[in-house]
Amino acid sequence: MEIETQKLKIENRRALFLDRDGTLIIDQVYLADPAGVELIPGAAAGLRRARSLGYKLFLLTNQSGIGRGLHTLDDTLRVNARMEELLDLGSPLFDAVGIAPEAPGQPVHYRKPSPRFILEQIAAHRLDPAQCWMVGDSAADIGAALAAQINIAAVRTGKIDPATLPEIAAHQIPIYSSFSEFAATLT
């Protein structure tokens, strides 16, 4: 009985760190208008499955359009809100959201491939890195996961750069057709 009681007290230590554009929604360059949000088919089902299995969910998105002056942080927040509305999974959907507004060449805080947001959330939520995944479509997503030393899943729904394929192969990173296909493998 003591062992069973201790098992119940163990808190959830696993999580998914999710890219937004090309992973959950169709990648539209510098998306600033919430009306342009289109979910990738199966995204809601994949998120629902992950939540039902007890995964914490984190969103980490590079939004260099802010740093370039093409749109504002408020625009990005409205796009995120529209995405959550379309996903229809309740609010808040994510345990935390990291928005990296830096443009290339600007000092980097959260812009992937920086692992900073991931590492902060691992510490804040007492997560086990061995039970965490970064799911995304870009070299920056892969770089952030490698730097944070968490698992990686690449998805083809975005912009996998053929130049990253050797790195994907070298690290034996699984590639899935979509986030929902990846989520179906979670246990």
N, C-alpha and C. Protein backbone atom coordinates (compact mmCIF):
# COMPACT_ATOMS: atom_id res chain seq x y z
N MET A 1 0.82 -1.20 0.00
CA MET A 1 0.00 0.00 0.00
C MET A 1 0.86 1.25 0.00
N GLU A 2 1.98 1.22 0.71
CA GLU A 2 2.89 2.37 0.76
C GLU A 2 3.41 2.74 -0.62
N ILE A 3 3.78 1.73 -1.42
CA ILE A 3 4.30 1.97 -2.77
C ILE A 3 3.22 2.61 -3.64
N GLU A 4 1.99 2.11 -3.56
CA GLU A 4 0.90 2.67 -4.35
C GLU A 4 0.65 4.13 -3.97
N THR A 5 0.68 4.45 -2.69
CA THR A 5 0.48 5.82 -2.24
C THR A 5 1.57 6.72 -2.77
N GLN A 6 2.81 6.25 -2.75
CA GLN A 6 3.91 7.06 -3.26
C GLN A 6 3.77 7.29 -4.76
N LYS A 7 3.30 6.30 -5.51
CA LYS A 7 3.11 6.46 -6.94
C LYS A 7 2.11 7.57 -7.24
N LEU A 8 1.06 7.65 -6.44
CA LEU A 8 0.04 8.67 -6.65
C LEU A 8 0.59 10.07 -6.40
N LYS A 9 1.59 10.18 -5.53
CA LYS A 9 2.15 11.49 -5.18
C LYS A 9 3.18 11.98 -6.20
N ILE A 10 3.64 11.10 -7.06
CA ILE A 10 4.63 11.51 -8.06
C ILE A 10 3.93 12.43 -9.06
N GLU A 11 4.48 13.62 -9.22
CA GLU A 11 3.84 14.56 -10.13
C GLU A 11 4.27 14.29 -11.57
N ASN A 12 3.47 14.80 -12.46
CA ASN A 12 3.74 14.65 -13.88
C ASN A 12 5.05 15.36 -14.22
N ARG A 13 5.96 14.64 -14.86
CA ARG A 13 7.27 15.21 -15.18
C ARG A 13 7.56 15.16 -16.66
N ARG A 14 6.53 14.95 -17.49
CA ARG A 14 6.77 14.88 -18.93
C ARG A 14 6.00 15.97 -19.65
N ALA A 15 6.56 16.36 -20.80
CA ALA A 15 5.97 17.50 -21.50
C ALA A 15 6.29 17.46 -22.98
N LEU A 16 5.47 18.20 -23.72
CA LEU A 16 5.73 18.45 -25.14
C LEU A 16 5.98 19.94 -25.31
N PHE A 17 7.05 20.27 -25.99
CA PHE A 17 7.35 21.64 -26.39
C PHE A 17 7.02 21.71 -27.87
N LEU A 18 6.06 22.55 -28.21
CA LEU A 18 5.51 22.55 -29.56
C LEU A 18 5.81 23.84 -30.30
N ASP A 19 6.30 23.70 -31.50
CA ASP A 19 6.40 24.81 -32.42
C ASP A 19 4.97 25.13 -32.88
N ARG A 20 4.73 26.37 -33.29
CA ARG A 20 3.38 26.74 -33.73
C ARG A 20 3.22 26.60 -35.24
N ASP A 21 3.96 27.42 -35.99
CA ASP A 21 3.80 27.50 -37.44
C ASP A 21 4.43 26.29 -38.12
N GLY A 22 3.61 25.55 -38.85
CA GLY A 22 4.10 24.36 -39.53
C GLY A 22 3.96 23.10 -38.70
N THR A 23 3.57 23.26 -37.43
CA THR A 23 3.37 22.11 -36.55
C THR A 23 1.90 22.01 -36.13
N LEU A 24 1.35 23.11 -35.64
CA LEU A 24 -0.06 23.13 -35.23
C LEU A 24 -0.94 23.89 -36.22
N ILE A 25 -0.38 24.94 -36.82
CA ILE A 25 -1.13 25.70 -37.83
C ILE A 25 -0.31 25.79 -39.11
N ILE A 26 -1.02 26.03 -40.22
CA ILE A 26 -0.36 26.20 -41.51
C ILE A 26 0.59 27.38 -41.41
N ASP A 27 1.81 27.18 -41.87
CA ASP A 27 2.84 28.23 -41.81
C ASP A 27 2.56 29.28 -42.88
N GLN A 28 2.21 30.47 -42.41
CA GLN A 28 2.02 31.62 -43.29
C GLN A 28 3.00 32.69 -42.81
N VAL A 29 3.91 33.06 -43.64
CA VAL A 29 5.00 33.95 -43.26
C VAL A 29 4.46 35.24 -42.63
N TYR A 30 4.98 35.56 -41.44
CA TYR A 30 4.64 36.78 -40.71
C TYR A 30 3.13 36.92 -40.48
N LEU A 31 2.50 35.85 -40.06
CA LEU A 31 1.06 35.86 -39.81
C LEU A 31 0.72 36.83 -38.69
N ALA A 32 -0.07 37.85 -39.02
CA ALA A 32 -0.46 38.86 -38.04
C ALA A 32 -1.97 38.96 -37.88
N ASP A 33 -2.72 38.39 -38.81
CA ASP A 33 -4.17 38.49 -38.82
C ASP A 33 -4.78 37.18 -38.33
N PRO A 34 -5.50 37.21 -37.22
CA PRO A 34 -6.10 35.98 -36.70
C PRO A 34 -7.01 35.27 -37.72
N ALA A 35 -7.57 36.02 -38.65
CA ALA A 35 -8.43 35.41 -39.67
C ALA A 35 -7.65 34.45 -40.58
N GLY A 36 -6.34 34.58 -40.61
CA GLY A 36 -5.51 33.72 -41.45
C GLY A 36 -5.11 32.41 -40.80
N VAL A 37 -5.51 32.19 -39.56
CA VAL A 37 -5.12 30.96 -38.86
C VAL A 37 -5.86 29.76 -39.44
N GLU A 38 -5.10 28.76 -39.86
CA GLU A 38 -5.66 27.50 -40.34
C GLU A 38 -4.98 26.36 -39.59
N LEU A 39 -5.77 25.57 -38.91
CA LEU A 39 -5.20 24.43 -38.18
C LEU A 39 -4.70 23.37 -39.16
N ILE A 40 -3.62 22.73 -38.80
CA ILE A 40 -3.17 21.56 -39.54
C ILE A 40 -4.10 20.41 -39.13
N PRO A 41 -4.63 19.68 -40.09
CA PRO A 41 -5.55 18.59 -39.74
C PRO A 41 -4.95 17.65 -38.69
N GLY A 42 -5.77 17.35 -37.70
CA GLY A 42 -5.37 16.43 -36.64
C GLY A 42 -4.68 17.09 -35.46
N ALA A 43 -4.40 18.40 -35.54
CA ALA A 43 -3.69 19.06 -34.44
C ALA A 43 -4.48 18.97 -33.13
N ALA A 44 -5.78 19.24 -33.19
CA ALA A 44 -6.59 19.20 -31.97
C ALA A 44 -6.62 17.78 -31.39
N ALA A 45 -6.77 16.79 -32.24
CA ALA A 45 -6.80 15.40 -31.76
C ALA A 45 -5.47 15.02 -31.13
N GLY A 46 -4.37 15.46 -31.72
CA GLY A 46 -3.05 15.16 -31.15
C GLY A 46 -2.86 15.81 -29.80
N LEU A 47 -3.28 17.06 -29.67
CA LEU A 47 -3.17 17.75 -28.38
C LEU A 47 -4.07 17.10 -27.34
N ARG A 48 -5.27 16.74 -27.75
CA ARG A 48 -6.20 16.09 -26.83
C ARG A 48 -5.60 14.77 -26.31
N ARG A 49 -5.00 14.01 -27.22
CA ARG A 49 -4.38 12.74 -26.81
C ARG A 49 -3.24 12.99 -25.83
N ALA A 50 -2.37 13.95 -26.14
CA ALA A 50 -1.23 14.24 -25.26
C ALA A 50 -1.72 14.65 -23.87
N ARG A 51 -2.73 15.50 -23.82
CA ARG A 51 -3.26 15.92 -22.52
C ARG A 51 -3.87 14.75 -21.76
N SER A 52 -4.57 13.88 -22.49
CA SER A 52 -5.21 12.74 -21.82
C SER A 52 -4.18 11.79 -21.22
N LEU A 53 -2.97 11.80 -21.78
CA LEU A 53 -1.89 10.96 -21.27
C LEU A 53 -1.07 11.67 -20.19
N GLY A 54 -1.45 12.90 -19.87
CA GLY A 54 -0.79 13.61 -18.79
C GLY A 54 0.41 14.45 -19.17
N TYR A 55 0.60 14.70 -20.45
CA TYR A 55 1.72 15.55 -20.86
C TYR A 55 1.38 17.02 -20.61
N LYS A 56 2.33 17.75 -20.06
CA LYS A 56 2.22 19.20 -20.00
C LYS A 56 2.50 19.71 -21.41
N LEU A 57 1.85 20.80 -21.79
CA LEU A 57 2.00 21.35 -23.13
C LEU A 57 2.57 22.76 -23.06
N PHE A 58 3.61 22.98 -23.86
CA PHE A 58 4.25 24.29 -23.94
C PHE A 58 4.33 24.68 -25.41
N LEU A 59 4.07 25.94 -25.68
CA LEU A 59 4.17 26.46 -27.04
C LEU A 59 5.39 27.37 -27.10
N LEU A 60 6.24 27.15 -28.09
CA LEU A 60 7.44 27.97 -28.29
C LEU A 60 7.50 28.36 -29.75
N THR A 61 7.39 29.66 -30.03
CA THR A 61 7.29 30.11 -31.41
C THR A 61 8.22 31.28 -31.68
N ASN A 62 9.00 31.15 -32.74
CA ASN A 62 9.83 32.28 -33.21
C ASN A 62 8.92 33.20 -34.02
N GLN A 63 8.89 34.46 -33.67
CA GLN A 63 8.07 35.45 -34.37
C GLN A 63 8.92 36.66 -34.72
N SER A 64 9.84 36.45 -35.65
CA SER A 64 10.78 37.52 -36.01
C SER A 64 10.08 38.70 -36.68
N GLY A 65 8.85 38.52 -37.13
CA GLY A 65 8.11 39.64 -37.69
C GLY A 65 7.94 40.77 -36.69
N ILE A 66 7.93 40.45 -35.40
CA ILE A 66 7.84 41.49 -34.36
C ILE A 66 9.13 42.30 -34.38
N GLY A 67 10.26 41.62 -34.31
CA GLY A 67 11.56 42.30 -34.30
C GLY A 67 11.84 43.06 -35.59
N ARG A 68 11.24 42.61 -36.68
CA ARG A 68 11.42 43.27 -37.98
C ARG A 68 10.45 44.44 -38.16
N GLY A 69 9.52 44.60 -37.20
CA GLY A 69 8.55 45.68 -37.30
C GLY A 69 7.40 45.39 -38.25
N LEU A 70 7.18 44.13 -38.60
CA LEU A 70 6.13 43.77 -39.54
C LEU A 70 4.79 43.54 -38.85
N HIS A 71 4.82 43.19 -37.60
CA HIS A 71 3.61 43.07 -36.79
C HIS A 71 4.00 43.23 -35.33
N THR A 72 3.01 43.21 -34.46
CA THR A 72 3.25 43.49 -33.05
C THR A 72 3.08 42.23 -32.19
N LEU A 73 3.50 42.34 -30.95
CA LEU A 73 3.27 41.26 -30.00
C LEU A 73 1.77 41.03 -29.83
N ASP A 74 0.99 42.12 -29.79
CA ASP A 74 -0.46 41.97 -29.68
C ASP A 74 -1.03 41.18 -30.85
N ASP A 75 -0.51 41.42 -32.06
CA ASP A 75 -0.96 40.63 -33.22
C ASP A 75 -0.70 39.15 -32.98
N THR A 76 0.49 38.83 -32.50
CA THR A 76 0.86 37.43 -32.24
C THR A 76 -0.04 36.83 -31.16
N LEU A 77 -0.32 37.59 -30.12
CA LEU A 77 -1.21 37.10 -29.07
C LEU A 77 -2.61 36.83 -29.61
N ARG A 78 -3.09 37.68 -30.52
CA ARG A 78 -4.41 37.46 -31.13
C ARG A 78 -4.40 36.22 -32.03
N VAL A 79 -3.32 36.02 -32.76
CA VAL A 79 -3.19 34.81 -33.59
C VAL A 79 -3.20 33.57 -32.69
N ASN A 80 -2.45 33.61 -31.60
CA ASN A 80 -2.43 32.48 -30.67
C ASN A 80 -3.81 32.22 -30.08
N ALA A 81 -4.52 33.30 -29.73
CA ALA A 81 -5.86 33.16 -29.16
C ALA A 81 -6.81 32.53 -30.19
N ARG A 82 -6.69 32.94 -31.44
CA ARG A 82 -7.53 32.35 -32.50
C ARG A 82 -7.20 30.87 -32.68
N MET A 83 -5.92 30.54 -32.64
CA MET A 83 -5.53 29.14 -32.75
C MET A 83 -6.17 28.32 -31.62
N GLU A 84 -6.10 28.82 -30.40
CA GLU A 84 -6.68 28.11 -29.26
C GLU A 84 -8.20 28.00 -29.41
N GLU A 85 -8.82 29.05 -29.93
CA GLU A 85 -10.27 29.02 -30.16
C GLU A 85 -10.63 27.91 -31.16
N LEU A 86 -9.88 27.83 -32.26
CA LEU A 86 -10.14 26.81 -33.27
C LEU A 86 -9.85 25.40 -32.74
N LEU A 87 -8.83 25.27 -31.91
CA LEU A 87 -8.51 23.96 -31.34
C LEU A 87 -9.62 23.49 -30.41
N ASP A 88 -10.29 24.44 -29.74
CA ASP A 88 -11.46 24.15 -28.91
C ASP A 88 -11.18 23.08 -27.85
N LEU A 89 -10.08 23.26 -27.13
CA LEU A 89 -9.69 22.30 -26.09
C LEU A 89 -9.71 22.92 -24.70
N GLY A 90 -10.32 24.07 -24.56
CA GLY A 90 -10.36 24.74 -23.26
C GLY A 90 -9.16 25.64 -23.08
N SER A 91 -9.29 26.50 -22.10
CA SER A 91 -8.23 27.48 -21.86
C SER A 91 -7.91 27.48 -20.37
N PRO A 92 -6.67 27.60 -19.98
CA PRO A 92 -5.52 27.70 -20.89
C PRO A 92 -5.14 26.33 -21.43
N LEU A 93 -4.80 26.30 -22.68
CA LEU A 93 -4.38 25.05 -23.32
C LEU A 93 -2.94 24.72 -22.96
N PHE A 94 -2.09 25.76 -22.95
CA PHE A 94 -0.66 25.55 -22.72
C PHE A 94 -0.28 25.94 -21.30
N ASP A 95 0.64 25.18 -20.73
CA ASP A 95 1.15 25.49 -19.40
C ASP A 95 1.97 26.77 -19.41
N ALA A 96 2.60 27.06 -20.54
CA ALA A 96 3.31 28.33 -20.75
C ALA A 96 3.51 28.51 -22.24
N VAL A 97 3.62 29.77 -22.64
CA VAL A 97 3.85 30.11 -24.05
C VAL A 97 5.08 30.98 -24.13
N GLY A 98 6.00 30.59 -24.99
CA GLY A 98 7.21 31.38 -25.23
C GLY A 98 7.13 31.98 -26.62
N ILE A 99 7.17 33.29 -26.69
CA ILE A 99 7.16 34.00 -27.97
C ILE A 99 8.50 34.68 -28.11
N ALA A 100 9.24 34.30 -29.14
CA ALA A 100 10.56 34.88 -29.38
C ALA A 100 10.42 35.97 -30.45
N PRO A 101 10.46 37.25 -30.04
CA PRO A 101 10.24 38.34 -30.99
C PRO A 101 11.48 38.77 -31.75
N GLU A 102 12.63 38.19 -31.42
CA GLU A 102 13.88 38.66 -32.00
C GLU A 102 13.95 38.33 -33.49
N ALA A 103 14.47 39.27 -34.25
CA ALA A 103 14.79 39.03 -35.65
C ALA A 103 16.21 38.50 -35.72
N PRO A 104 16.54 37.78 -36.80
CA PRO A 104 17.93 37.33 -36.94
C PRO A 104 18.88 38.52 -36.83
N GLY A 105 19.96 38.31 -36.09
CA GLY A 105 20.94 39.38 -35.90
C GLY A 105 20.73 40.19 -34.65
N GLN A 106 19.55 40.10 -34.04
CA GLN A 106 19.29 40.80 -32.78
C GLN A 106 19.75 39.91 -31.63
N PRO A 107 20.05 40.52 -30.47
CA PRO A 107 20.43 39.69 -29.31
C PRO A 107 19.33 38.66 -29.02
N VAL A 108 19.74 37.44 -28.77
CA VAL A 108 18.79 36.33 -28.62
C VAL A 108 18.52 36.03 -27.15
N HIS A 109 17.24 35.92 -26.83
CA HIS A 109 16.83 35.44 -25.52
C HIS A 109 16.12 34.10 -25.69
N TYR A 110 15.02 34.12 -26.42
CA TYR A 110 14.23 32.90 -26.59
C TYR A 110 14.22 32.37 -28.01
N ARG A 111 14.75 33.10 -28.95
CA ARG A 111 14.68 32.66 -30.35
C ARG A 111 15.38 31.31 -30.51
N LYS A 112 14.60 30.33 -30.98
CA LYS A 112 15.18 29.02 -31.26
C LYS A 112 16.24 29.19 -32.35
N PRO A 113 17.38 28.56 -32.22
CA PRO A 113 17.66 27.35 -31.46
C PRO A 113 18.09 27.55 -30.01
N SER A 114 17.90 28.74 -29.43
CA SER A 114 18.20 28.89 -28.01
C SER A 114 17.34 27.92 -27.20
N PRO A 115 17.93 27.23 -26.24
CA PRO A 115 17.16 26.31 -25.40
C PRO A 115 16.58 26.99 -24.16
N ARG A 116 16.75 28.29 -24.04
CA ARG A 116 16.43 29.00 -22.79
C ARG A 116 15.00 28.75 -22.30
N PHE A 117 14.01 28.92 -23.16
CA PHE A 117 12.62 28.72 -22.73
C PHE A 117 12.41 27.29 -22.25
N ILE A 118 12.91 26.33 -23.01
CA ILE A 118 12.76 24.92 -22.64
C ILE A 118 13.39 24.66 -21.27
N LEU A 119 14.62 25.12 -21.09
CA LEU A 119 15.32 24.89 -19.82
C LEU A 119 14.62 25.57 -18.65
N GLU A 120 14.10 26.77 -18.88
CA GLU A 120 13.36 27.47 -17.81
C GLU A 120 12.12 26.68 -17.41
N GLN A 121 11.40 26.15 -18.38
CA GLN A 121 10.18 25.41 -18.08
C GLN A 121 10.49 24.06 -17.42
N ILE A 122 11.56 23.42 -17.86
CA ILE A 122 11.98 22.17 -17.21
C ILE A 122 12.25 22.42 -15.73
N ALA A 123 12.94 23.51 -15.43
CA ALA A 123 13.25 23.84 -14.03
C ALA A 123 11.99 24.24 -13.26
N ALA A 124 11.18 25.12 -13.85
CA ALA A 124 10.00 25.64 -13.16
C ALA A 124 8.96 24.56 -12.87
N HIS A 125 8.83 23.60 -13.77
CA HIS A 125 7.81 22.56 -13.62
C HIS A 125 8.38 21.22 -13.15
N ARG A 126 9.69 21.24 -12.83
CA ARG A 126 10.37 20.04 -12.35
C ARG A 126 10.16 18.86 -13.30
N LEU A 127 10.39 19.13 -14.58
CA LEU A 127 10.21 18.11 -15.62
C LEU A 127 11.45 17.23 -15.73
N ASP A 128 11.25 16.05 -16.23
CA ASP A 128 12.34 15.12 -16.51
C ASP A 128 12.69 15.28 -17.99
N PRO A 129 13.87 15.83 -18.32
CA PRO A 129 14.22 16.02 -19.73
C PRO A 129 14.10 14.75 -20.57
N ALA A 130 14.34 13.61 -19.97
CA ALA A 130 14.24 12.34 -20.71
C ALA A 130 12.80 12.03 -21.11
N GLN A 131 11.83 12.72 -20.49
CA GLN A 131 10.42 12.51 -20.80
C GLN A 131 9.80 13.71 -21.52
N CYS A 132 10.66 14.56 -22.06
CA CYS A 132 10.19 15.75 -22.77
C CYS A 132 10.54 15.65 -24.25
N TRP A 133 9.69 16.23 -25.08
CA TRP A 133 9.87 16.24 -26.53
C TRP A 133 9.71 17.65 -27.06
N MET A 134 10.53 17.99 -28.03
CA MET A 134 10.32 19.17 -28.87
C MET A 134 9.75 18.65 -30.17
N VAL A 135 8.63 19.20 -30.60
CA VAL A 135 8.01 18.78 -31.86
C VAL A 135 7.96 20.00 -32.77
N GLY A 136 8.61 19.89 -33.92
CA GLY A 136 8.64 21.01 -34.84
C GLY A 136 9.10 20.61 -36.22
N ASP A 137 9.24 21.63 -37.06
CA ASP A 137 9.53 21.38 -38.46
C ASP A 137 10.82 22.02 -38.96
N SER A 138 11.50 22.77 -38.12
CA SER A 138 12.64 23.56 -38.61
C SER A 138 13.95 23.17 -37.95
N ALA A 139 15.02 23.60 -38.57
CA ALA A 139 16.36 23.39 -38.00
C ALA A 139 16.46 24.07 -36.64
N ALA A 140 15.78 25.20 -36.47
CA ALA A 140 15.79 25.91 -35.18
C ALA A 140 15.14 25.06 -34.08
N ASP A 141 14.05 24.38 -34.41
CA ASP A 141 13.39 23.50 -33.44
C ASP A 141 14.32 22.36 -33.03
N ILE A 142 14.96 21.77 -34.03
CA ILE A 142 15.90 20.67 -33.76
C ILE A 142 17.06 21.17 -32.91
N GLY A 143 17.60 22.33 -33.25
CA GLY A 143 18.71 22.90 -32.49
C GLY A 143 18.36 23.18 -31.05
N ALA A 144 17.16 23.70 -30.81
CA ALA A 144 16.73 23.99 -29.44
C ALA A 144 16.64 22.71 -28.62
N ALA A 145 16.07 21.68 -29.22
CA ALA A 145 15.93 20.40 -28.51
C ALA A 145 17.29 19.77 -28.22
N LEU A 146 18.18 19.82 -29.20
CA LEU A 146 19.52 19.26 -28.98
C LEU A 146 20.24 20.01 -27.86
N ALA A 147 20.14 21.34 -27.87
CA ALA A 147 20.81 22.15 -26.85
C ALA A 147 20.21 21.91 -25.46
N ALA A 148 18.89 21.66 -25.41
CA ALA A 148 18.23 21.40 -24.13
C ALA A 148 18.34 19.94 -23.71
N GLN A 149 18.85 19.12 -24.59
CA GLN A 149 19.02 17.69 -24.34
C GLN A 149 17.70 16.99 -24.03
N ILE A 150 16.70 17.29 -24.89
CA ILE A 150 15.42 16.58 -24.79
C ILE A 150 15.20 15.82 -26.10
N ASN A 151 14.18 15.00 -26.12
CA ASN A 151 13.83 14.23 -27.31
C ASN A 151 13.30 15.15 -28.41
N ILE A 152 13.40 14.69 -29.64
CA ILE A 152 12.98 15.50 -30.78
C ILE A 152 12.12 14.66 -31.71
N ALA A 153 11.06 15.28 -32.23
CA ALA A 153 10.27 14.70 -33.31
C ALA A 153 10.09 15.78 -34.36
N ALA A 154 10.44 15.46 -35.59
CA ALA A 154 10.25 16.39 -36.70
C ALA A 154 8.94 16.05 -37.41
N VAL A 155 8.26 17.09 -37.90
CA VAL A 155 7.02 16.88 -38.64
C VAL A 155 7.14 17.47 -40.04
N ARG A 156 6.53 16.78 -41.00
CA ARG A 156 6.61 17.19 -42.41
C ARG A 156 5.56 18.24 -42.79
N THR A 157 4.71 18.64 -41.87
CA THR A 157 3.65 19.59 -42.20
C THR A 157 4.16 21.01 -42.36
N GLY A 158 5.41 21.23 -42.05
CA GLY A 158 5.99 22.57 -42.15
C GLY A 158 7.07 22.63 -43.20
N LYS A 159 8.21 23.14 -42.79
CA LYS A 159 9.28 23.43 -43.74
C LYS A 159 10.58 22.72 -43.41
N ILE A 160 10.55 21.40 -43.35
CA ILE A 160 11.80 20.69 -43.10
C ILE A 160 12.75 21.03 -44.24
N ASP A 161 13.84 21.65 -43.88
CA ASP A 161 14.86 22.05 -44.85
C ASP A 161 15.68 20.82 -45.22
N PRO A 162 15.78 20.52 -46.52
CA PRO A 162 16.59 19.36 -46.92
C PRO A 162 18.02 19.41 -46.39
N ALA A 163 18.52 20.60 -46.13
CA ALA A 163 19.88 20.73 -45.58
C ALA A 163 19.98 20.18 -44.16
N THR A 164 18.85 20.06 -43.47
CA THR A 164 18.87 19.52 -42.10
C THR A 164 18.77 18.00 -42.07
N LEU A 165 18.48 17.38 -43.20
CA LEU A 165 18.29 15.93 -43.22
C LEU A 165 19.52 15.16 -42.74
N PRO A 166 20.75 15.59 -43.08
CA PRO A 166 21.91 14.87 -42.52
C PRO A 166 21.95 14.94 -40.98
N GLU A 167 21.60 16.10 -40.42
CA GLU A 167 21.57 16.23 -38.96
C GLU A 167 20.47 15.36 -38.36
N ILE A 168 19.33 15.34 -39.02
CA ILE A 168 18.22 14.49 -38.57
C ILE A 168 18.67 13.03 -38.56
N ALA A 169 19.34 12.63 -39.62
CA ALA A 169 19.83 11.24 -39.71
C ALA A 169 20.90 10.97 -38.66
N ALA A 170 21.83 11.91 -38.49
CA ALA A 170 22.93 11.72 -37.54
C ALA A 170 22.42 11.54 -36.11
N HIS A 171 21.36 12.24 -35.76
CA HIS A 171 20.80 12.16 -34.41
C HIS A 171 19.63 11.17 -34.32
N GLN A 172 19.37 10.48 -35.42
CA GLN A 172 18.28 9.51 -35.48
C GLN A 172 16.95 10.10 -35.01
N ILE A 173 16.66 11.29 -35.52
CA ILE A 173 15.43 11.99 -35.17
C ILE A 173 14.29 11.43 -36.01
N PRO A 174 13.23 10.97 -35.36
CA PRO A 174 12.10 10.45 -36.14
C PRO A 174 11.37 11.59 -36.85
N ILE A 175 10.92 11.30 -38.06
CA ILE A 175 10.14 12.27 -38.84
C ILE A 175 8.74 11.70 -39.01
N TYR A 176 7.74 12.50 -38.67
CA TYR A 176 6.34 12.10 -38.77
C TYR A 176 5.65 12.96 -39.82
N SER A 177 4.58 12.43 -40.39
CA SER A 177 3.84 13.20 -41.40
C SER A 177 3.17 14.41 -40.77
N SER A 178 2.82 14.31 -39.48
CA SER A 178 2.12 15.41 -38.80
C SER A 178 2.28 15.25 -37.29
N PHE A 179 1.89 16.29 -36.58
CA PHE A 179 1.90 16.21 -35.12
C PHE A 179 0.96 15.11 -34.64
N SER A 180 -0.20 14.99 -35.29
CA SER A 180 -1.15 13.96 -34.84
C SER A 180 -0.58 12.56 -35.00
N GLU A 181 0.21 12.33 -36.06
CA GLU A 181 0.85 11.02 -36.21
C GLU A 181 1.85 10.79 -35.07
N PHE A 182 2.62 11.82 -34.72
CA PHE A 182 3.53 11.70 -33.58
C PHE A 182 2.75 11.41 -32.30
N ALA A 183 1.69 12.19 -32.05
CA ALA A 183 0.92 12.04 -30.81
C ALA A 183 0.34 10.64 -30.67
N ALA A 184 0.04 10.00 -31.78
CA ALA A 184 -0.51 8.64 -31.74
C ALA A 184 0.51 7.64 -31.19
N THR A 185 1.79 8.00 -31.20
CA THR A 185 2.82 7.09 -30.69
C THR A 185 3.07 7.27 -29.19
N LEU A 186 2.51 8.32 -28.60
CA LEU A 186 2.74 8.59 -27.18
C LEU A 186 2.08 7.53 -26.31
N THR A 187 2.74 7.24 -25.21
CA THR A 187 2.17 6.28 -24.26
C THR A 187 2.12 6.90 -22.87
